Amino acid sequence: TVDYGGIPHIGVLVDNKVKALAYYTNILKMKPSPNGVFAGETQIQFLESSTNPDPIDVDPTYNMSAPPPGYIAEGRPVHAGRDRHVAITLHSLEPLKASLEANNVPYTMSYSGRQALFCRDLWGNGWEFGPPVTYAKATRLFPPYLDVDVEAATLETEPIRWGGVAHVGLLVQNTPITRRFYCDVLGMVDETDLRPEALPFPGLFLRCGEQQVHILELPNPDPNSVEDRPGHGNDRRTAYSVKSLVPVVQALEQEGVNYRKDKLSSGESVVFCYDPDANELMFVEDGNIQVIQEDMINMAPMVPWTRLW
């Protein structure tokens, strides 16, 4: 069994770290970190690359909620909610809207009427932002730090108060194949019964400790074969903290999935691999994780939760 903690960081491809830092701190009002920025409890790491294989430009014809069968994307969809993206909680959308508009950054609002705003950075990376109420009922475990606590005095120095990552959204070609990989092989918990039935495309809600992975079976403008990706450690990625890497490696070997072991400069042991659609995963070993005990009868975290926040 793989014991998940959550998503400690996201890695995004950029062509210039200095330029990326200016964008994320000046426009999105995030705090600098040694390798990127902090959005509340979650780090966004900048992976500098001059050969980003993913298209940046938006395809203006891809503006529908769900494209017809056989649709081929010539670029990124207009609405980043139909693209790979990362959802992050914040105290209010209003100061973010004001900053985006002041800097001429285009954005869209949720197609379903939720309090959620979608935009992209200069390198095509999609982001979803919303208050805690937008995400609280999408999972059976909503960590307290995502429920942003705001004091008026804080907003004088922090115009946007960030919580952390609620979920990552990944593009795939085949939902059943993806479910087998993430649930049967990697042991994530299927919470797709909480996914809105009105969504007009196949997908999954999967829990990986404190956060979720949202699977979107939609046209993918990015190269989705491993041979066309930058390679382990150099690609955009989602990092997952796990109590031990042993069951991860065993599961990957049993499934015949290529992986790479490494040790970070911080001393942490990690494992890199790709999913069936060439989305990179990075598993970070953290022996201090307090394992979330699952109630297998009700298919939900035990109440009270065993996580020590």
Protein backbone atom coordinates (compact mmCIF):
# COMPACT_ATOMS: atom_id res chain seq x y z
CA THR A 1 0.00 0.00 0.00
CA VAL A 2 1.23 3.46 -0.92
CA ASP A 3 0.61 5.90 1.95
CA TYR A 4 0.13 9.39 0.53
CA GLY A 5 0.64 12.69 2.30
CA GLY A 6 -0.40 15.07 -0.44
CA ILE A 7 1.05 17.36 -3.11
CA PRO A 8 4.04 19.29 -1.71
CA HIS A 9 4.95 21.02 -4.95
CA ILE A 10 4.13 21.53 -8.61
CA GLY A 11 6.82 21.87 -11.30
CA VAL A 12 6.11 24.13 -14.30
CA LEU A 13 8.19 24.70 -17.43
CA VAL A 14 9.36 28.28 -18.07
CA ASP A 15 11.99 29.74 -20.36
CA ASN A 16 13.37 32.23 -17.83
CA LYS A 17 13.20 31.88 -14.03
CA VAL A 18 13.71 35.60 -13.41
CA LYS A 19 10.85 36.47 -15.73
CA ALA A 20 8.68 33.79 -14.14
CA LEU A 21 9.42 35.07 -10.63
CA ALA A 22 8.40 38.59 -11.67
CA TYR A 23 5.12 37.29 -13.16
CA TYR A 24 4.12 35.18 -10.18
CA THR A 25 5.08 37.72 -7.51
CA ASN A 26 3.95 40.94 -9.21
CA ILE A 27 0.75 39.71 -10.88
CA LEU A 28 -0.36 36.71 -8.81
CA LYS A 29 1.06 38.15 -5.57
CA MET A 30 2.71 34.90 -4.50
CA LYS A 31 5.74 34.76 -2.20
CA PRO A 32 9.23 33.96 -3.54
CA SER A 33 10.82 30.63 -2.64
CA PRO A 34 14.33 29.29 -3.36
CA ASN A 35 13.16 27.49 -6.53
CA GLY A 36 10.04 29.46 -7.47
CA VAL A 37 7.15 30.75 -5.37
CA PHE A 38 4.82 29.73 -2.57
CA ALA A 39 1.06 29.71 -2.99
CA GLY A 40 0.09 29.29 0.64
CA GLU A 41 1.25 25.85 1.76
CA THR A 42 2.31 24.69 -1.72
CA GLN A 43 5.49 25.43 -3.62
CA ILE A 44 5.47 26.08 -7.36
CA GLN A 45 8.90 25.24 -8.76
CA PHE A 46 10.19 26.83 -11.97
CA LEU A 47 11.90 24.37 -14.32
CA GLU A 48 13.87 26.45 -16.80
CA SER A 49 13.94 25.06 -20.33
CA SER A 50 14.68 26.56 -23.73
CA THR A 51 13.03 23.60 -25.47
CA ASN A 52 9.51 23.43 -24.00
CA PRO A 53 7.65 20.89 -26.17
CA ASP A 54 4.20 22.14 -25.13
CA PRO A 55 2.39 24.78 -27.22
CA ILE A 56 1.78 28.12 -25.52
CA ASP A 57 -0.70 29.79 -27.87
CA VAL A 58 -4.45 29.41 -27.46
CA ASP A 59 -6.57 27.93 -30.26
CA PRO A 60 -9.48 30.43 -30.46
CA THR A 61 -11.71 27.80 -32.12
CA TYR A 62 -11.38 25.53 -29.08
CA ASN A 63 -13.90 27.53 -27.08
CA MET A 64 -16.59 24.93 -26.42
CA SER A 65 -17.27 23.22 -23.12
CA ALA A 66 -16.72 19.79 -24.68
CA PRO A 67 -15.33 19.35 -28.21
CA PRO A 68 -16.96 16.89 -30.64
CA PRO A 69 -15.47 13.39 -31.08
CA GLY A 70 -12.29 13.41 -33.14
CA TYR A 71 -11.58 17.09 -32.45
CA ILE A 72 -7.87 17.89 -32.77
CA ALA A 73 -6.60 20.79 -30.72
CA GLU A 74 -4.33 23.16 -32.64
CA GLY A 75 -3.38 24.93 -29.42
CA ARG A 76 -4.51 25.37 -25.85
CA PRO A 77 -8.28 25.65 -25.19
CA VAL A 78 -9.65 29.12 -24.49
CA HIS A 79 -10.87 27.97 -21.08
CA ALA A 80 -8.02 26.66 -18.93
CA GLY A 81 -10.52 24.47 -17.08
CA ARG A 82 -10.51 22.21 -20.14
CA ASP A 83 -6.71 22.03 -20.06
CA ARG A 84 -4.11 20.67 -17.64
CA HIS A 85 -4.23 22.98 -14.67
CA VAL A 86 -3.68 23.37 -10.94
CA ALA A 87 -6.44 24.56 -8.58
CA ILE A 88 -5.42 26.74 -5.64
CA THR A 89 -7.58 28.23 -2.89
CA LEU A 90 -7.48 31.92 -1.96
CA HIS A 91 -9.51 34.16 0.30
CA SER A 92 -11.27 36.14 -2.46
CA LEU A 93 -11.27 36.38 -6.26
CA GLU A 94 -11.71 40.16 -6.35
CA PRO A 95 -8.09 41.28 -5.73
CA LEU A 96 -6.86 38.62 -8.17
CA LYS A 97 -9.28 39.83 -10.85
CA ALA A 98 -8.11 43.39 -10.30
CA SER A 99 -4.44 42.41 -10.70
CA LEU A 100 -5.08 40.33 -13.82
CA GLU A 101 -7.10 43.09 -15.44
CA ALA A 102 -4.52 45.74 -14.54
CA ASN A 103 -1.85 43.63 -16.25
CA ASN A 104 -4.00 42.68 -19.27
CA VAL A 105 -3.97 38.97 -18.41
CA PRO A 106 -6.99 37.20 -19.96
CA TYR A 107 -9.09 34.94 -17.78
CA THR A 108 -12.37 33.03 -17.87
CA MET A 109 -14.83 32.12 -15.16
CA SER A 110 -16.20 28.65 -14.46
CA TYR A 111 -18.58 27.31 -17.11
CA SER A 112 -20.70 25.75 -14.34
CA GLY A 113 -21.20 28.92 -12.34
CA ARG A 114 -18.80 27.99 -9.52
CA GLN A 115 -16.73 30.70 -7.86
CA ALA A 116 -13.64 29.81 -9.88
CA LEU A 117 -11.37 31.81 -12.17
CA PHE A 118 -9.11 30.28 -14.81
CA CYS A 119 -6.03 31.79 -16.46
CA ARG A 120 -2.58 30.88 -17.78
CA ASP A 121 0.91 32.17 -17.25
CA LEU A 122 3.19 33.27 -20.11
CA TRP A 123 4.27 29.66 -20.72
CA GLY A 124 0.85 28.06 -21.18
CA ASN A 125 0.55 26.63 -17.66
CA GLY A 126 -3.12 26.62 -16.59
CA TRP A 127 -4.34 27.77 -13.19
CA GLU A 128 -7.68 27.64 -11.40
CA PHE A 129 -8.34 29.87 -8.41
CA GLY A 130 -11.29 29.93 -6.06
CA PRO A 131 -12.39 30.38 -2.44
CA PRO A 132 -12.55 27.29 -0.21
CA VAL A 133 -16.32 26.89 -0.64
CA THR A 134 -15.72 26.06 -4.31
CA TYR A 135 -13.76 22.90 -3.48
CA ALA A 136 -14.84 21.75 -0.02
CA LYS A 137 -17.57 19.36 -1.24
CA ALA A 138 -15.49 17.87 -4.07
CA THR A 139 -13.57 15.62 -1.67
CA ARG A 140 -14.17 13.70 1.55
CA LEU A 141 -11.07 15.24 3.10
CA PHE A 142 -10.57 19.01 3.06
CA PRO A 143 -7.43 20.01 4.99
CA PRO A 144 -7.84 23.06 7.22
CA TYR A 145 -5.05 25.07 5.56
CA LEU A 146 -7.07 25.20 2.32
CA ASP A 147 -9.83 26.99 4.24
CA VAL A 148 -8.06 30.34 4.13
CA ASP A 149 -8.27 32.30 7.37
CA VAL A 150 -8.05 36.05 6.74
CA GLU A 151 -7.65 38.96 9.09
CA ALA A 152 -8.07 42.52 7.87
CA ALA A 153 -4.60 43.48 9.09
CA THR A 154 -3.06 40.69 7.02
CA LEU A 155 -4.58 42.01 3.79
CA GLU A 156 -2.74 45.30 4.20
CA THR A 157 0.53 43.48 3.47
CA GLU A 158 -0.91 40.45 1.61
CA PRO A 159 -3.57 41.62 -0.88
CA ILE A 160 -4.15 37.98 -1.85
CA ARG A 161 -4.13 35.36 0.88
CA TRP A 162 -3.39 31.91 -0.54
CA GLY A 163 -4.39 28.56 0.96
CA GLY A 164 -2.84 25.81 -1.16
CA VAL A 165 -3.46 23.27 -3.90
CA ALA A 166 -6.90 21.67 -3.89
CA HIS A 167 -6.32 19.53 -7.00
CA VAL A 168 -4.32 19.13 -10.18
CA GLY A 169 -6.06 18.53 -13.50
CA LEU A 170 -4.43 16.16 -16.01
CA LEU A 171 -5.34 15.49 -19.66
CA VAL A 172 -5.68 11.85 -20.71
CA GLN A 173 -6.81 9.80 -23.70
CA ASN A 174 -8.54 6.91 -21.92
CA THR A 175 -10.22 7.22 -18.52
CA PRO A 176 -10.38 3.47 -17.66
CA ILE A 177 -6.66 3.02 -18.44
CA THR A 178 -5.87 6.06 -16.31
CA ARG A 179 -8.00 4.80 -13.43
CA ARG A 180 -6.19 1.46 -13.46
CA PHE A 181 -2.79 3.19 -13.32
CA TYR A 182 -3.59 5.67 -10.55
CA CYS A 183 -5.89 3.50 -8.43
CA ASP A 184 -4.98 -0.16 -9.05
CA VAL A 185 -1.23 0.40 -9.48
CA LEU A 186 -0.50 3.51 -7.39
CA GLY A 187 -3.24 3.10 -4.81
CA MET A 188 -5.03 6.46 -5.03
CA VAL A 189 -8.62 6.61 -3.73
CA ASP A 190 -11.42 6.98 -6.29
CA GLU A 191 -13.81 9.79 -5.32
CA THR A 192 -15.42 10.09 -8.74
CA ASP A 193 -18.87 9.73 -7.15
CA LEU A 194 -18.33 13.35 -6.02
CA ARG A 195 -17.63 14.51 -9.60
CA PRO A 196 -20.46 16.66 -11.01
CA GLU A 197 -22.60 14.62 -13.39
CA ALA A 198 -23.12 17.70 -15.57
CA LEU A 199 -19.50 17.70 -16.75
CA PRO A 200 -19.77 16.92 -20.49
CA PHE A 201 -16.69 14.71 -20.81
CA PRO A 202 -15.30 11.58 -19.10
CA GLY A 203 -13.03 11.95 -16.11
CA LEU A 204 -12.15 11.02 -12.53
CA PHE A 205 -11.70 12.54 -9.09
CA LEU A 206 -8.86 10.71 -7.30
CA ARG A 207 -7.57 11.45 -3.80
CA CYS A 208 -3.84 11.27 -3.06
CA GLY A 209 -3.67 12.00 0.65
CA GLU A 210 -4.79 15.55 1.37
CA GLN A 211 -5.41 16.59 -2.23
CA GLN A 212 -6.96 15.30 -5.44
CA VAL A 213 -6.02 14.54 -9.02
CA HIS A 214 -8.76 15.43 -11.50
CA ILE A 215 -8.62 13.43 -14.73
CA LEU A 216 -9.95 15.11 -17.88
CA GLU A 217 -10.46 12.99 -21.01
CA LEU A 218 -10.16 15.85 -23.49
CA PRO A 219 -8.01 16.73 -26.56
CA ASN A 220 -4.39 17.17 -25.54
CA PRO A 221 -2.31 19.73 -27.45
CA ASP A 222 0.89 18.57 -25.70
CA PRO A 223 3.18 15.74 -26.88
CA ASN A 224 1.89 12.77 -24.88
CA SER A 225 4.52 10.11 -25.53
CA VAL A 226 7.50 9.70 -23.24
CA GLU A 227 9.92 9.89 -26.18
CA ASP A 228 8.76 13.45 -26.90
CA ARG A 229 9.06 14.73 -23.33
CA PRO A 230 12.12 16.44 -21.72
CA GLY A 231 12.85 13.45 -19.47
CA HIS A 232 12.73 12.68 -15.77
CA GLY A 233 13.47 15.62 -13.52
CA ASN A 234 13.31 18.13 -16.39
CA ASP A 235 9.60 17.99 -17.18
CA ARG A 236 6.50 19.67 -15.75
CA ARG A 237 5.33 17.50 -12.91
CA THR A 238 3.17 16.88 -9.88
CA ALA A 239 5.04 15.86 -6.74
CA TYR A 240 3.38 13.43 -4.33
CA SER A 241 4.68 12.90 -0.80
CA VAL A 242 4.63 9.27 0.35
CA LYS A 243 5.65 7.66 3.62
CA SER A 244 7.90 5.15 1.82
CA LEU A 245 9.13 4.75 -1.73
CA VAL A 246 9.34 0.95 -1.40
CA PRO A 247 5.69 0.17 -2.32
CA VAL A 248 5.85 2.75 -5.13
CA VAL A 249 8.87 1.06 -6.71
CA GLN A 250 7.35 -2.39 -6.22
CA ALA A 251 4.12 -1.30 -7.93
CA LEU A 252 5.95 0.28 -10.87
CA GLU A 253 8.19 -2.76 -11.35
CA GLN A 254 5.25 -5.17 -11.23
CA GLU A 255 3.50 -3.08 -13.88
CA GLY A 256 6.65 -2.75 -16.02
CA VAL A 257 6.71 1.06 -15.74
CA ASN A 258 10.10 2.71 -16.23
CA TYR A 259 11.21 4.92 -13.37
CA ARG A 260 14.25 6.75 -12.08
CA LYS A 261 15.48 7.02 -8.51
CA ASP A 262 17.27 10.14 -7.36
CA LYS A 263 18.25 12.09 -4.27
CA LEU A 264 17.59 15.82 -4.05
CA SER A 265 20.15 18.33 -2.81
CA SER A 266 17.93 18.66 0.27
CA GLY A 267 18.59 14.97 0.98
CA GLU A 268 15.12 13.66 0.10
CA SER A 269 14.85 10.42 -1.86
CA VAL A 270 12.58 10.62 -4.89
CA VAL A 271 11.25 8.49 -7.75
CA PHE A 272 10.22 9.84 -11.16
CA CYS A 273 7.90 8.15 -13.64
CA TYR A 274 5.40 8.95 -16.36
CA ASP A 275 1.73 7.99 -16.48
CA PRO A 276 0.20 6.43 -19.65
CA ASP A 277 -0.26 9.94 -21.13
CA ALA A 278 3.29 11.13 -20.36
CA ASN A 279 2.35 13.30 -17.39
CA GLU A 280 5.35 13.17 -15.06
CA LEU A 281 4.96 12.12 -11.43
CA MET A 282 7.55 12.65 -8.72
CA PHE A 283 7.25 10.70 -5.48
CA VAL A 284 8.99 12.28 -2.49
CA GLU A 285 9.71 10.08 0.53
CA ASP A 286 8.68 11.60 3.86
CA GLY A 287 8.79 9.18 6.76
CA ASN A 288 7.12 11.71 9.06
CA ILE A 289 3.78 11.52 7.25
CA GLN A 290 0.88 10.72 9.56
CA VAL A 291 -1.04 8.19 7.48
CA ILE A 292 -4.70 8.93 6.81
CA GLN A 293 -6.65 5.85 7.89
CA GLU A 294 -9.44 4.93 5.49
CA ASP A 295 -12.87 3.72 6.59
CA MET A 296 -13.26 0.96 4.01
CA ILE A 297 -16.97 0.54 4.79
CA ASN A 298 -17.87 4.14 4.04
CA MET A 299 -14.99 4.66 1.59
CA ALA A 300 -13.88 7.82 3.33
CA PRO A 301 -11.22 9.06 5.76
CA MET A 302 -11.76 8.02 9.36
CA VAL A 303 -13.43 10.68 11.46
CA PRO A 304 -11.79 12.26 13.31
CA TRP A 305 -8.98 12.34 10.77
CA THR A 306 -5.67 10.84 11.82
CA ARG A 307 -3.69 13.56 10.03
CA LEU A 308 -1.97 15.85 12.53
CA TRP A 309 -2.30 19.43 11.21
